[in-house]
Protein backbone atom coordinates (compact mmCIF):
# COMPACT_ATOMS: atom_id res chain seq x y z
CA MET A 1 24.13 -23.63 136.36
CA VAL A 2 26.06 -20.83 138.19
CA LYS A 3 24.23 -18.63 135.51
CA HIS A 4 20.62 -19.64 137.30
CA ALA A 5 22.08 -19.86 140.82
CA PHE A 6 23.62 -16.27 139.84
CA ALA A 7 20.57 -15.25 138.45
CA LEU A 8 18.83 -15.99 141.56
CA ALA A 9 20.96 -14.33 144.05
CA THR A 10 20.18 -11.56 142.01
CA SER A 11 16.57 -11.70 142.43
CA ALA A 12 16.96 -12.10 146.12
CA LEU A 13 19.22 -9.45 147.19
CA LEU A 14 16.94 -6.91 144.56
CA LEU A 15 13.94 -8.26 146.97
CA SER A 16 15.96 -7.43 150.00
CA GLY A 17 16.13 -3.96 149.02
CA THR A 18 12.10 -3.77 147.70
CA ALA A 19 11.80 -4.66 151.50
CA PHE A 20 13.63 -2.52 152.44
CA ALA A 21 11.93 0.40 151.03
CA ALA A 22 8.66 -0.55 153.36
CA PRO A 23 10.54 -0.71 156.81
CA ALA A 24 8.27 -2.45 159.79
CA TYR A 25 8.64 -0.14 163.35
CA SER A 26 9.99 -1.24 167.00
CA ILE A 27 7.90 1.45 169.67
CA THR A 28 9.96 2.28 172.74
CA THR A 29 7.34 3.83 175.67
CA LEU A 30 9.43 7.17 176.75
CA SER A 31 7.01 7.91 179.10
CA PRO A 32 4.86 5.21 180.57
CA ASP A 33 3.26 7.28 183.34
CA GLY A 34 2.18 10.82 181.22
CA THR A 35 4.09 12.97 183.11
CA THR A 36 6.88 13.32 180.24
CA ARG A 37 6.56 15.58 176.82
CA TRP A 38 9.52 14.81 174.29
CA THR A 39 9.74 17.79 171.89
CA HIS A 40 12.79 17.42 169.28
CA LEU A 41 15.20 14.30 168.44
CA ASN A 42 18.07 14.99 166.75
CA ASN A 43 20.63 12.47 164.43
CA ALA A 44 22.49 10.86 167.18
CA GLY A 45 19.26 9.79 168.53
CA ALA A 46 18.55 12.05 171.37
CA ALA A 47 16.06 13.57 172.83
CA THR A 48 15.25 16.66 174.12
CA GLY A 49 11.45 16.77 176.67
CA TYR A 50 10.03 18.04 180.16
CA LEU A 51 10.03 15.74 183.15
CA GLY A 52 7.83 18.12 186.41
CA GLY A 53 8.10 20.96 184.20
CA GLN A 54 11.80 20.73 183.53
CA GLY A 55 14.20 19.88 181.06
CA TYR A 56 16.20 17.49 180.08
CA ILE A 57 18.29 15.75 177.33
CA ARG A 58 17.50 12.00 176.99
CA ALA A 59 20.45 10.16 175.31
CA ALA A 60 20.34 7.02 173.14
CA ASP A 61 21.38 4.89 175.70
CA GLY A 62 18.14 6.20 177.96
CA GLN A 63 20.50 8.53 180.41
CA LEU A 64 18.86 11.78 181.11
CA THR A 65 20.39 15.26 181.42
CA LEU A 66 19.04 18.27 183.13
CA ILE A 67 18.68 21.25 181.13
CA PRO A 68 19.44 24.04 183.09
CA GLN A 69 16.72 26.54 183.80
CA LEU A 70 16.72 30.78 183.09
CA SER A 71 16.84 32.31 186.37
CA ASP A 72 16.21 29.82 187.84
CA GLN A 73 12.56 29.80 186.53
CA PRO A 74 10.44 27.03 184.29
CA THR A 75 11.90 27.76 180.64
CA ALA A 76 11.00 26.29 177.04
CA ILE A 77 13.05 24.55 174.95
CA THR A 78 12.90 26.22 172.00
CA ALA A 79 15.41 23.91 169.40
CA PHE A 80 17.20 21.30 169.28
CA GLY A 81 20.64 20.53 167.60
CA ASP A 82 23.14 17.75 166.43
CA ASN A 83 25.99 18.93 168.23
CA GLY A 84 23.70 18.98 171.71
CA ALA A 85 23.08 22.43 171.92
CA VAL A 86 19.87 23.60 172.95
CA GLY A 87 17.85 26.63 172.43
CA LEU A 88 16.04 28.11 175.58
CA MET A 89 13.49 30.65 176.62
CA ARG A 90 11.54 32.18 179.29
CA VAL A 91 8.47 33.83 179.36
CA GLU A 92 6.85 35.99 181.95
CA GLU A 93 3.37 34.33 183.21
CA GLY A 94 0.20 35.64 182.30
CA PRO A 95 -0.80 37.76 180.17
CA PRO A 96 0.87 39.45 177.78
CA GLN A 97 3.50 36.65 177.99
CA ASN A 98 6.33 38.59 177.07
CA VAL A 99 9.28 37.00 176.84
CA GLN A 100 11.67 38.13 179.54
CA GLU A 101 14.91 36.03 178.64
CA THR A 102 16.00 33.55 176.03
CA GLY A 103 19.76 31.48 175.39
CA LEU A 104 21.71 28.65 173.65
CA TRP A 105 22.73 26.02 176.21
CA ARG A 106 26.15 23.76 174.79
CA ASN A 107 28.89 22.40 175.74
CA GLY A 108 27.22 22.68 179.06
CA VAL A 109 27.22 26.60 179.31
CA VAL A 110 24.21 29.09 178.85
CA GLU A 111 25.18 31.28 175.96
CA SER A 112 22.99 35.12 175.74
CA LEU A 113 22.14 36.03 172.41
CA PRO A 114 23.00 38.95 170.65
CA THR A 115 19.72 41.16 169.53
CA LEU A 116 19.58 43.92 167.23
CA ARG A 117 17.05 46.44 169.25
CA THR A 118 19.46 48.74 170.35
CA THR A 119 16.86 50.70 172.53
CA PRO A 120 17.68 50.43 175.49
CA ASP A 121 14.51 49.33 177.14
CA GLY A 122 14.99 45.62 177.99
CA LEU A 123 12.68 44.40 175.32
CA GLY A 124 15.93 43.49 173.02
CA TYR A 125 15.79 39.54 172.61
CA GLY A 126 16.34 36.77 170.01
CA VAL A 127 15.18 33.64 169.88
CA VAL A 128 16.63 30.05 168.48
CA ASN A 129 13.68 28.75 166.39
CA ARG A 130 16.06 25.50 164.59
CA ILE A 131 19.98 24.60 164.32
CA SER A 132 20.82 23.13 161.56
CA GLY A 133 23.56 19.83 161.06
CA ASN A 134 26.80 22.25 161.57
CA GLY A 135 26.05 23.78 164.71
CA LEU A 136 24.23 27.34 162.90
CA PRO A 137 21.28 28.45 165.69
CA ALA A 138 18.63 30.17 163.40
CA GLY A 139 15.64 32.01 164.56
CA THR A 140 14.09 35.87 165.79
CA SER A 141 15.76 38.89 167.06
CA ALA A 142 13.93 41.94 168.17
CA VAL A 143 14.09 45.31 166.39
CA ASN A 144 13.64 49.12 166.87
CA GLY A 145 10.10 49.93 166.76
CA GLY A 146 7.19 48.46 168.28
CA PHE A 147 3.66 48.19 168.76
CA TYR A 148 1.16 48.07 171.80
CA ASP A 149 -0.78 44.97 172.46
CA ASP A 150 -4.60 45.24 174.49
CA TYR A 151 -2.75 45.47 177.87
CA GLY A 152 -0.72 48.73 177.04
CA ASN A 153 2.66 46.60 176.87
CA LEU A 154 5.35 47.33 173.81
CA ILE A 155 5.84 44.33 171.86
CA PRO A 156 9.33 45.14 169.81
CA TYR A 157 9.03 43.92 166.28
CA THR A 158 11.13 40.88 164.78
CA HIS A 159 13.31 40.18 162.26
CA ALA A 160 14.71 36.39 161.03
CA ALA A 161 18.19 36.29 162.44
CA THR A 162 20.93 33.74 162.69
CA PHE A 163 23.60 33.87 165.54
CA SER A 164 27.36 33.13 165.13
CA ASN A 165 30.52 33.74 166.86
CA GLY A 166 28.52 36.26 169.26
CA GLN A 167 27.16 38.08 166.88
CA VAL A 168 23.24 38.20 165.04
CA HIS A 169 23.09 38.56 161.88
CA ASP A 170 19.67 40.29 160.60
CA LEU A 171 17.94 38.42 156.80
CA GLY A 172 15.19 41.48 156.57
CA THR A 173 11.17 40.95 155.57
CA LEU A 174 9.52 40.46 152.58
CA GLY A 175 8.91 44.17 153.24
CA GLY A 176 6.61 44.02 156.33
CA ASN A 177 7.49 44.55 160.14
CA PHE A 178 7.64 40.87 161.13
CA SER A 179 9.74 37.61 159.98
CA MET A 180 10.52 34.50 161.71
CA GLY A 181 12.92 32.31 160.69
CA ALA A 182 11.73 28.88 161.43
CA GLY A 183 13.62 26.22 159.75
CA ILE A 184 18.14 26.36 158.29
CA ASN A 185 19.91 23.72 157.05
CA ASP A 186 23.41 22.49 156.87
CA ASN A 187 23.99 25.15 154.14
CA GLY A 188 23.05 27.19 156.19
CA ILE A 189 19.63 28.26 153.91
CA VAL A 190 16.74 29.41 155.94
CA VAL A 191 13.11 29.32 155.92
CA GLY A 192 10.49 31.24 157.73
CA PHE A 193 7.67 33.31 157.12
CA SER A 194 7.02 37.34 157.37
CA LEU A 195 4.83 39.96 156.49
CA ASP A 196 4.73 42.12 153.29
CA ALA A 197 3.84 45.60 152.62
CA ASP A 198 0.51 44.70 152.57
CA ASP A 199 1.09 42.90 156.38
CA ARG A 200 0.42 39.35 154.37
CA ARG A 201 1.87 37.11 155.75
CA ARG A 202 4.36 35.04 153.48
CA SER A 203 6.32 32.36 153.29
CA PHE A 204 10.26 33.06 152.46
CA ILE A 205 13.59 31.09 152.11
CA TYR A 206 16.44 33.09 152.26
CA ARG A 207 19.38 32.43 150.41
CA ASN A 208 23.13 34.35 148.90
CA GLY A 209 21.96 36.45 151.03
CA ALA A 210 18.34 37.75 149.67
CA MET A 211 14.92 36.39 150.71
CA GLN A 212 12.31 34.90 148.58
CA ASP A 213 8.63 34.77 148.35
CA LEU A 214 8.44 31.09 148.30
CA GLY A 215 4.88 32.50 146.65
CA LEU A 216 2.91 29.81 149.08
CA ALA A 217 -0.96 30.73 149.85
CA ASP A 218 -1.25 33.68 152.23
CA ASN A 219 -2.09 31.26 154.72
CA TYR A 220 0.91 29.05 154.80
CA TYR A 221 4.11 29.47 156.77
CA ALA A 222 7.31 27.72 155.90
CA PHE A 223 8.67 25.48 159.10
CA ASP A 224 11.66 23.03 157.90
CA ILE A 225 14.48 22.82 155.01
CA ASN A 226 16.45 19.81 154.11
CA ASN A 227 19.59 19.41 152.76
CA ALA A 228 18.05 18.85 149.02
CA GLY A 229 16.91 22.22 149.76
CA GLN A 230 13.31 20.48 150.03
CA VAL A 231 11.09 23.19 152.65
CA LEU A 232 7.86 21.71 154.27
CA ALA A 233 5.35 24.08 155.05
CA ASN A 234 1.74 24.38 156.74
CA SER A 235 -0.89 26.00 156.18
CA GLY A 236 -2.65 27.49 159.42
CA THR A 237 -6.28 26.73 158.32
CA SER A 238 -7.69 22.87 158.94
CA THR A 239 -8.80 22.71 155.22
CA ALA A 240 -5.31 23.26 153.95
CA SER A 241 -2.66 20.06 153.31
CA ALA A 242 0.57 20.48 154.24
CA VAL A 243 2.87 21.19 151.23
CA ILE A 244 6.29 20.26 150.29
CA TRP A 245 8.21 22.72 148.21
CA GLN A 246 11.27 22.98 146.21
CA GLU A 247 12.35 25.10 143.39
CA GLY A 248 8.95 26.14 142.68
CA GLU A 249 7.45 22.79 142.82
CA THR A 250 4.74 21.58 145.93
CA THR A 251 3.94 18.64 146.30
CA THR A 252 0.27 18.39 148.28
CA LEU A 253 0.66 15.70 151.32
CA SER A 254 -3.36 14.69 150.81
CA GLN A 255 -5.17 11.12 152.05
CA PRO A 256 -8.02 10.23 150.84
CA GLY A 257 -10.08 9.87 153.61
CA TYR A 258 -9.12 12.34 155.40
CA SER A 259 -9.86 16.40 155.30
CA PHE A 260 -6.41 17.92 155.82
CA SER A 261 -2.70 16.92 157.37
CA SER A 262 0.20 19.12 159.39
CA ALA A 263 3.37 17.79 159.16
CA SER A 264 6.18 17.63 162.15
CA ALA A 265 9.12 17.54 159.80
CA ILE A 266 11.38 16.52 156.96
CA ASN A 267 15.36 14.60 157.31
CA ASN A 268 17.77 14.73 154.85
CA ARG A 269 16.51 11.52 152.87
CA GLY A 270 13.03 13.49 151.99
CA ASP A 271 10.81 11.44 154.77
CA VAL A 272 8.35 13.24 156.01
CA VAL A 273 6.30 12.91 159.03
CA GLY A 274 2.76 14.41 160.84
CA ARG A 275 -0.59 14.09 161.32
CA LEU A 276 -3.96 13.68 159.12
CA PHE A 277 -7.33 14.48 160.40
CA ALA A 278 -10.85 13.39 159.99
CA PRO A 279 -13.91 15.30 160.23
CA GLY A 280 -14.70 13.91 163.91
CA GLN A 281 -11.50 12.56 164.41
CA GLY A 282 -7.96 12.48 166.77
CA GLY A 283 -4.91 13.13 164.53
CA ALA A 284 -3.02 10.01 162.53
CA GLY A 285 0.38 9.87 162.70
CA PHE A 286 1.60 9.36 158.65
CA LEU A 287 4.87 9.03 157.32
CA TYR A 288 5.21 10.10 153.83
CA SER A 289 8.23 8.41 151.78
CA ASP A 290 9.23 7.86 148.46
CA GLY A 291 5.63 9.97 147.32
CA GLU A 292 3.62 7.22 149.74
CA ILE A 293 2.14 8.18 152.42
CA VAL A 294 1.10 5.52 155.19
CA LEU A 295 -0.36 5.67 158.05
CA LEU A 296 2.33 4.88 161.18
CA ALA A 297 -0.17 2.60 163.44
CA GLY A 298 0.54 -0.15 159.97
CA LEU A 299 3.87 0.35 160.24
CA LEU A 300 4.35 -1.71 163.92
CA ASP A 301 6.28 -4.77 164.73
CA GLN A 302 3.48 -4.42 167.65
CA PRO A 303 -0.27 -5.07 167.44
CA GLY A 304 -2.81 -3.46 169.16
CA TRP A 305 -0.83 0.38 169.38
CA THR A 306 -1.98 3.93 167.09
CA ILE A 307 -0.15 6.91 167.09
CA ARG A 308 -1.84 9.70 167.72
CA ASP A 309 0.88 12.75 167.75
CA VAL A 310 4.20 12.87 165.52
CA THR A 311 6.49 15.32 166.47
CA ASP A 312 9.96 14.60 164.59
CA ILE A 313 12.29 12.50 162.40
CA ASN A 314 15.83 12.38 162.42
CA ASP A 315 17.96 11.13 158.83
CA SER A 316 17.75 6.96 160.55
CA GLY A 317 13.99 7.03 160.26
CA THR A 318 13.71 7.06 163.92
CA ILE A 319 9.79 8.73 164.85
CA LEU A 320 9.50 10.44 168.42
CA GLY A 321 5.84 10.93 168.96
CA VAL A 322 2.79 9.84 171.16
CA GLY A 323 1.39 6.18 171.14
CA CYS A 324 -1.97 4.90 172.21
CA GLN A 325 -2.84 1.38 173.06
CA GLY A 326 -6.84 1.99 173.74
CA SER A 327 -7.36 5.18 175.57
CA ASP A 328 -3.79 4.43 177.59
CA CYS A 329 -0.87 6.95 175.90
CA SER A 330 2.64 7.61 176.09
CA TRP A 331 5.63 9.29 174.16
CA VAL A 332 7.25 6.31 171.87
CA LEU A 333 10.29 6.18 169.84
CA LEU A 334 9.71 4.40 166.84
CA THR A 335 12.85 2.21 165.34
CA PRO A 336 12.91 1.32 161.96
CA VAL A 337 13.99 -2.66 161.60
CA PRO A 338 14.51 -4.68 158.62
CA GLU A 339 11.29 -6.77 157.89
CA PRO A 340 11.49 -10.50 158.82
CA ALA A 341 11.23 -11.42 155.03
CA THR A 342 14.40 -8.92 154.61
CA TYR A 343 16.44 -11.26 156.20
CA GLY A 344 15.63 -14.50 154.64
CA LEU A 345 15.87 -13.13 151.74
CA LEU A 346 19.85 -11.50 151.75
CA GLY A 347 20.62 -15.01 153.56
CA THR A 348 19.04 -16.33 150.84
CA GLY A 349 20.93 -14.22 148.44
CA LEU A 350 24.65 -14.44 149.62
CA ALA A 351 24.24 -17.85 149.92
CA LEU A 352 23.45 -18.68 146.48
CA LEU A 353 25.73 -15.73 145.60
CA ALA A 354 28.75 -18.39 147.02
CA LEU A 355 27.89 -21.06 145.87
CA ALA A 356 27.57 -19.84 142.10
CA ALA A 357 31.34 -18.61 143.10
CA ARG A 358 32.45 -22.29 144.15
CA ARG A 359 31.07 -23.47 140.77
CA ARG A 360 32.89 -21.35 138.82
CA ARG A 361 36.29 -21.63 141.12
CA ARG A 362 36.24 -25.47 139.92
CA SER A 363 35.17 -25.38 136.61
CA ASP A 364 38.33 -22.79 135.88
């Protein structure tokens, strides 16, 4: 009987682990009035976004913190780190919308970013596109040289860069005049895209002091990387799906019945969120986990919702996106919760293990 009880307990616990593999999600509405747009989510459960054009941080408990504007002008949020740092950028209104000012807001202070451009024309700037879990910003910096646009404005060339200790570090290009750092992990490995010597847009990974072409098609751009070295890249077309690249191997994020996918983020567990697109339909939010793509609407613990858009996922599995009930849409947080069956199986398993232990003590 003791062996039988132990076997039942073990089975129950194993089954409970299986239930955790496909979590249900609770849904929390962030902006029911539709006037807010949320952009980033960090591992502390905080999000950045805009209320009436003004940037805010929403803490996990719902408390709002105002993000300062650059020169008291409308300012874009470009990145959000686990340490609470925020990348900021201000552009001039109207064509050609040149970048006018950038900065990094952390510990209550706006820091100006150094630049690789040394010509005294006022066009030098750096932009933070991602902040690693340990606080290293990556993005792009203006360099010397440039081209004139259709309005006669000089547009500087830019290089992928990291920013630390008041310095900017040039990551170079794949042979062309332009590159951009779009993602960085805690190991300081940067991914992004660059023009090569033939002016083709190529995805790159920068590590060990060198920039390497990922070997993806010209229309792909890498924009995110996790600590396991999994790189997320989207296609610039509506005919090819997002891919995960890892050491030369690619996994295509596609699903029967849909034309293509567009990914938004990857976490350190390898979970990916994004949208699937079918002909004549809007996007449908998806989760890729353990080799499976699942529509998020089918994982919600409340009926009647669809997930139209997804922008971010953190290491806890919390997802930031847009949910709709019919035609009423709002920004939402999706939080993974154990399925009800999990609690029952887990409780049964623990009770049977306790029973087995008591019987063993009696038999000794």
